[in-house]
């Protein structure tokens, strides 16, 4: 069986991160891509459910408040629990 080459453009940071993950399980990037592609064929789609890391509504509101200069800065854990 002959092989073909598949290329993808990714950032150097992503390449470094993913190589560390694959190396930890004893795989090369090429082997991991082959596994992914075979699983996509076997499952008839993506072999996982894509999700976005979205904060819940309360957390999103808190992030926006902090980005707008609001919020309260505490120095210690005791300061945090003083109001509770």
N, C-alpha and C. Protein backbone atom coordinates (compact mmCIF):
# COMPACT_ATOMS: atom_id res chain seq x y z
N UNK A 1 0.84 -1.17 0.00
CA UNK A 1 0.00 0.00 0.00
C UNK A 1 0.89 1.24 0.00
N UNK A 2 0.64 2.15 -0.91
CA UNK A 2 1.42 3.38 -0.95
C UNK A 2 0.83 4.40 0.02
N UNK A 3 1.65 5.34 0.39
CA UNK A 3 1.23 6.40 1.32
C UNK A 3 1.20 7.73 0.60
N UNK A 4 0.42 8.65 1.13
CA UNK A 4 0.41 10.03 0.66
C UNK A 4 0.78 10.91 1.84
N UNK A 5 1.22 12.11 1.55
CA UNK A 5 1.59 13.06 2.59
C UNK A 5 0.45 14.03 2.83
N UNK A 6 0.15 14.25 4.10
CA UNK A 6 -0.86 15.23 4.51
C UNK A 6 -0.13 16.30 5.31
N UNK A 7 -0.37 17.57 4.98
CA UNK A 7 0.29 18.65 5.68
C UNK A 7 -0.74 19.54 6.36
N UNK A 8 -0.34 20.12 7.49
CA UNK A 8 -1.19 21.08 8.20
C UNK A 8 -0.31 22.17 8.78
N UNK A 9 -0.80 23.38 8.76
CA UNK A 9 -0.06 24.50 9.35
C UNK A 9 -0.58 24.73 10.77
N UNK A 10 0.35 24.67 11.73
CA UNK A 10 0.01 24.92 13.13
C UNK A 10 1.09 25.82 13.72
N UNK A 11 0.78 26.43 14.84
CA UNK A 11 1.76 27.31 15.48
C UNK A 11 2.87 26.48 16.13
N UNK A 12 4.04 27.07 16.27
CA UNK A 12 5.13 26.35 16.95
C UNK A 12 4.75 25.95 18.38
N UNK A 13 3.96 26.80 19.05
CA UNK A 13 3.55 26.50 20.42
C UNK A 13 2.66 25.25 20.47
N UNK A 14 1.69 25.18 19.55
CA UNK A 14 0.82 24.01 19.50
C UNK A 14 1.62 22.76 19.18
N UNK A 15 2.56 22.86 18.26
CA UNK A 15 3.40 21.71 17.90
C UNK A 15 4.17 21.20 19.11
N UNK A 16 4.75 22.11 19.86
CA UNK A 16 5.52 21.74 21.05
C UNK A 16 4.60 21.09 22.09
N UNK A 17 3.43 21.67 22.31
CA UNK A 17 2.51 21.12 23.31
C UNK A 17 2.02 19.73 22.93
N UNK A 18 1.63 19.57 21.67
CA UNK A 18 1.07 18.29 21.24
C UNK A 18 2.15 17.21 21.18
N UNK A 19 3.36 17.58 20.82
CA UNK A 19 4.44 16.59 20.81
C UNK A 19 4.73 16.09 22.22
N UNK A 20 4.62 16.97 23.22
CA UNK A 20 4.82 16.54 24.61
C UNK A 20 3.74 15.54 25.02
N UNK A 21 2.50 15.79 24.61
CA UNK A 21 1.40 14.87 24.92
C UNK A 21 1.63 13.52 24.26
N UNK A 22 1.91 13.54 22.97
CA UNK A 22 2.10 12.29 22.24
C UNK A 22 3.33 11.53 22.73
N UNK A 23 4.40 12.26 23.04
CA UNK A 23 5.61 11.62 23.55
C UNK A 23 5.33 10.91 24.87
N UNK A 24 4.48 11.50 25.69
CA UNK A 24 4.14 10.90 26.99
C UNK A 24 3.45 9.55 26.84
N UNK A 25 2.78 9.34 25.71
CA UNK A 25 2.11 8.05 25.48
C UNK A 25 2.86 7.20 24.45
N UNK A 26 4.08 7.63 24.10
CA UNK A 26 4.93 6.84 23.21
C UNK A 26 4.54 6.87 21.75
N UNK A 27 3.96 7.98 21.30
CA UNK A 27 3.54 8.09 19.90
C UNK A 27 4.22 9.28 19.24
N UNK A 28 4.44 9.16 17.95
CA UNK A 28 4.86 10.31 17.17
C UNK A 28 3.61 11.07 16.74
N UNK A 29 3.81 12.29 16.27
CA UNK A 29 2.68 13.06 15.77
C UNK A 29 2.05 12.35 14.58
N UNK A 30 2.86 11.79 13.70
CA UNK A 30 2.33 11.08 12.54
C UNK A 30 1.48 9.89 12.96
N UNK A 31 1.94 9.14 13.97
CA UNK A 31 1.15 8.00 14.45
C UNK A 31 -0.17 8.46 15.05
N UNK A 32 -0.14 9.53 15.82
CA UNK A 32 -1.36 10.05 16.44
C UNK A 32 -2.36 10.53 15.38
N UNK A 33 -1.85 11.16 14.34
CA UNK A 33 -2.73 11.61 13.25
C UNK A 33 -3.35 10.41 12.54
N UNK A 34 -2.55 9.37 12.30
CA UNK A 34 -3.08 8.15 11.69
C UNK A 34 -4.19 7.54 12.54
N UNK A 35 -3.99 7.48 13.85
CA UNK A 35 -5.01 6.95 14.75
C UNK A 35 -6.28 7.79 14.67
N UNK A 36 -6.12 9.11 14.70
CA UNK A 36 -7.27 10.01 14.60
C UNK A 36 -8.04 9.76 13.30
N UNK A 37 -7.33 9.69 12.18
CA UNK A 37 -7.99 9.50 10.89
C UNK A 37 -8.70 8.14 10.81
N UNK A 38 -8.06 7.10 11.32
CA UNK A 38 -8.69 5.77 11.32
C UNK A 38 -9.95 5.77 12.19
N UNK A 39 -9.89 6.42 13.33
CA UNK A 39 -11.06 6.49 14.21
C UNK A 39 -12.17 7.30 13.57
N UNK A 40 -11.83 8.35 12.83
CA UNK A 40 -12.84 9.14 12.13
C UNK A 40 -13.57 8.28 11.10
N UNK A 41 -12.81 7.45 10.39
CA UNK A 41 -13.42 6.54 9.42
C UNK A 41 -14.29 5.50 10.13
N UNK A 42 -13.76 4.90 11.19
CA UNK A 42 -14.50 3.86 11.91
C UNK A 42 -15.79 4.38 12.53
N UNK A 43 -15.77 5.62 13.02
CA UNK A 43 -16.96 6.17 13.68
C UNK A 43 -17.86 6.93 12.72
N UNK A 44 -17.39 7.14 11.50
CA UNK A 44 -18.19 7.88 10.52
C UNK A 44 -18.29 9.36 10.82
N UNK A 45 -17.33 9.89 11.52
CA UNK A 45 -17.31 11.32 11.88
C UNK A 45 -16.15 11.57 12.82
N UNK A 46 -16.19 12.68 13.50
CA UNK A 46 -15.13 12.96 14.46
C UNK A 46 -15.19 11.94 15.59
N UNK A 47 -14.04 11.44 16.03
CA UNK A 47 -14.04 10.42 17.08
C UNK A 47 -14.20 11.00 18.48
N UNK A 48 -14.70 12.21 18.57
CA UNK A 48 -14.96 12.86 19.85
C UNK A 48 -16.00 13.94 19.62
N UNK A 49 -16.60 14.42 20.70
CA UNK A 49 -17.59 15.49 20.62
C UNK A 49 -16.87 16.82 20.82
N UNK A 50 -16.79 17.67 19.79
CA UNK A 50 -16.11 18.95 19.97
C UNK A 50 -16.88 19.83 20.96
N UNK A 51 -16.15 20.46 21.84
CA UNK A 51 -16.75 21.37 22.81
C UNK A 51 -15.89 22.62 22.92
N UNK A 52 -16.51 23.69 23.34
CA UNK A 52 -15.78 24.93 23.60
C UNK A 52 -15.67 25.09 25.11
N UNK A 53 -14.56 25.58 25.55
CA UNK A 53 -14.38 25.84 26.97
C UNK A 53 -15.00 27.20 27.28
N UNK A 54 -16.28 27.16 27.55
CA UNK A 54 -17.03 28.38 27.82
C UNK A 54 -17.33 28.46 29.31
N UNK A 55 -17.05 29.61 29.94
CA UNK A 55 -17.41 29.73 31.35
C UNK A 55 -18.92 29.83 31.51
N UNK A 56 -19.42 29.44 32.68
CA UNK A 56 -20.85 29.60 32.92
C UNK A 56 -21.17 31.09 33.05
N UNK A 57 -22.44 31.41 33.12
CA UNK A 57 -22.88 32.81 33.07
C UNK A 57 -22.31 33.62 34.24
N UNK A 58 -22.29 33.05 35.43
CA UNK A 58 -21.78 33.75 36.60
C UNK A 58 -20.28 34.04 36.46
N UNK A 59 -19.53 33.06 35.99
CA UNK A 59 -18.09 33.24 35.81
C UNK A 59 -17.81 34.25 34.70
N UNK A 60 -18.56 34.18 33.60
CA UNK A 60 -18.38 35.13 32.50
C UNK A 60 -18.64 36.55 32.98
N UNK A 61 -19.66 36.75 33.81
CA UNK A 61 -19.97 38.09 34.34
C UNK A 61 -18.83 38.57 35.24
N UNK A 62 -18.28 37.68 36.05
CA UNK A 62 -17.17 38.06 36.93
C UNK A 62 -15.93 38.43 36.12
N UNK A 63 -15.66 37.70 35.06
CA UNK A 63 -14.52 38.01 34.19
C UNK A 63 -14.70 39.38 33.56
N UNK A 64 -15.90 39.64 33.06
CA UNK A 64 -16.17 40.95 32.44
C UNK A 64 -16.02 42.08 33.45
N UNK A 65 -16.48 41.86 34.68
CA UNK A 65 -16.36 42.88 35.72
C UNK A 65 -14.89 43.19 35.98
N UNK A 66 -14.07 42.16 36.09
CA UNK A 66 -12.64 42.36 36.33
C UNK A 66 -11.96 43.06 35.15
N UNK A 67 -12.33 42.68 33.93
CA UNK A 67 -11.75 43.31 32.75
C UNK A 67 -12.13 44.78 32.65
N UNK A 68 -13.27 45.15 33.24
CA UNK A 68 -13.72 46.54 33.23
C UNK A 68 -13.18 47.32 34.42
N UNK A 69 -12.28 46.72 35.19
CA UNK A 69 -11.65 47.41 36.32
C UNK A 69 -12.40 47.26 37.62
N UNK A 70 -13.44 46.48 37.65
CA UNK A 70 -14.21 46.26 38.88
C UNK A 70 -13.63 45.13 39.69
N UNK A 71 -14.41 44.70 40.64
CA UNK A 71 -13.99 43.59 41.48
C UNK A 71 -13.22 44.06 42.68
N UNK A 72 -12.79 43.13 43.47
CA UNK A 72 -12.09 43.43 44.71
C UNK A 72 -10.85 42.57 44.79
N UNK A 73 -9.72 43.18 45.15
CA UNK A 73 -8.48 42.43 45.27
C UNK A 73 -8.24 42.12 46.74
N UNK A 74 -8.03 40.86 47.04
CA UNK A 74 -7.78 40.43 48.41
C UNK A 74 -6.34 39.95 48.53
N UNK A 75 -5.81 40.08 49.74
CA UNK A 75 -4.41 39.74 49.96
C UNK A 75 -4.22 38.32 50.50
N UNK A 76 -5.19 37.84 51.27
CA UNK A 76 -5.04 36.52 51.88
C UNK A 76 -6.34 35.73 51.76
N UNK A 77 -6.25 34.45 52.00
CA UNK A 77 -7.44 33.61 52.01
C UNK A 77 -8.35 34.01 53.16
N UNK A 78 -7.77 34.45 54.28
CA UNK A 78 -8.59 34.90 55.41
C UNK A 78 -9.45 36.09 55.01
N UNK A 79 -8.89 37.00 54.20
CA UNK A 79 -9.67 38.14 53.71
C UNK A 79 -10.86 37.66 52.89
N UNK A 80 -10.65 36.64 52.10
CA UNK A 80 -11.71 36.10 51.27
C UNK A 80 -12.85 35.54 52.12
N UNK A 81 -12.49 34.80 53.16
CA UNK A 81 -13.51 34.14 53.97
C UNK A 81 -14.07 35.03 55.08
N UNK A 82 -13.53 36.22 55.25
CA UNK A 82 -14.01 37.12 56.31
C UNK A 82 -15.47 37.51 56.10
N UNK A 83 -15.89 37.62 54.83
CA UNK A 83 -17.27 38.01 54.54
C UNK A 83 -18.24 36.84 54.61
N UNK A 84 -17.75 35.64 54.72
CA UNK A 84 -18.63 34.46 54.69
C UNK A 84 -19.04 34.09 56.04
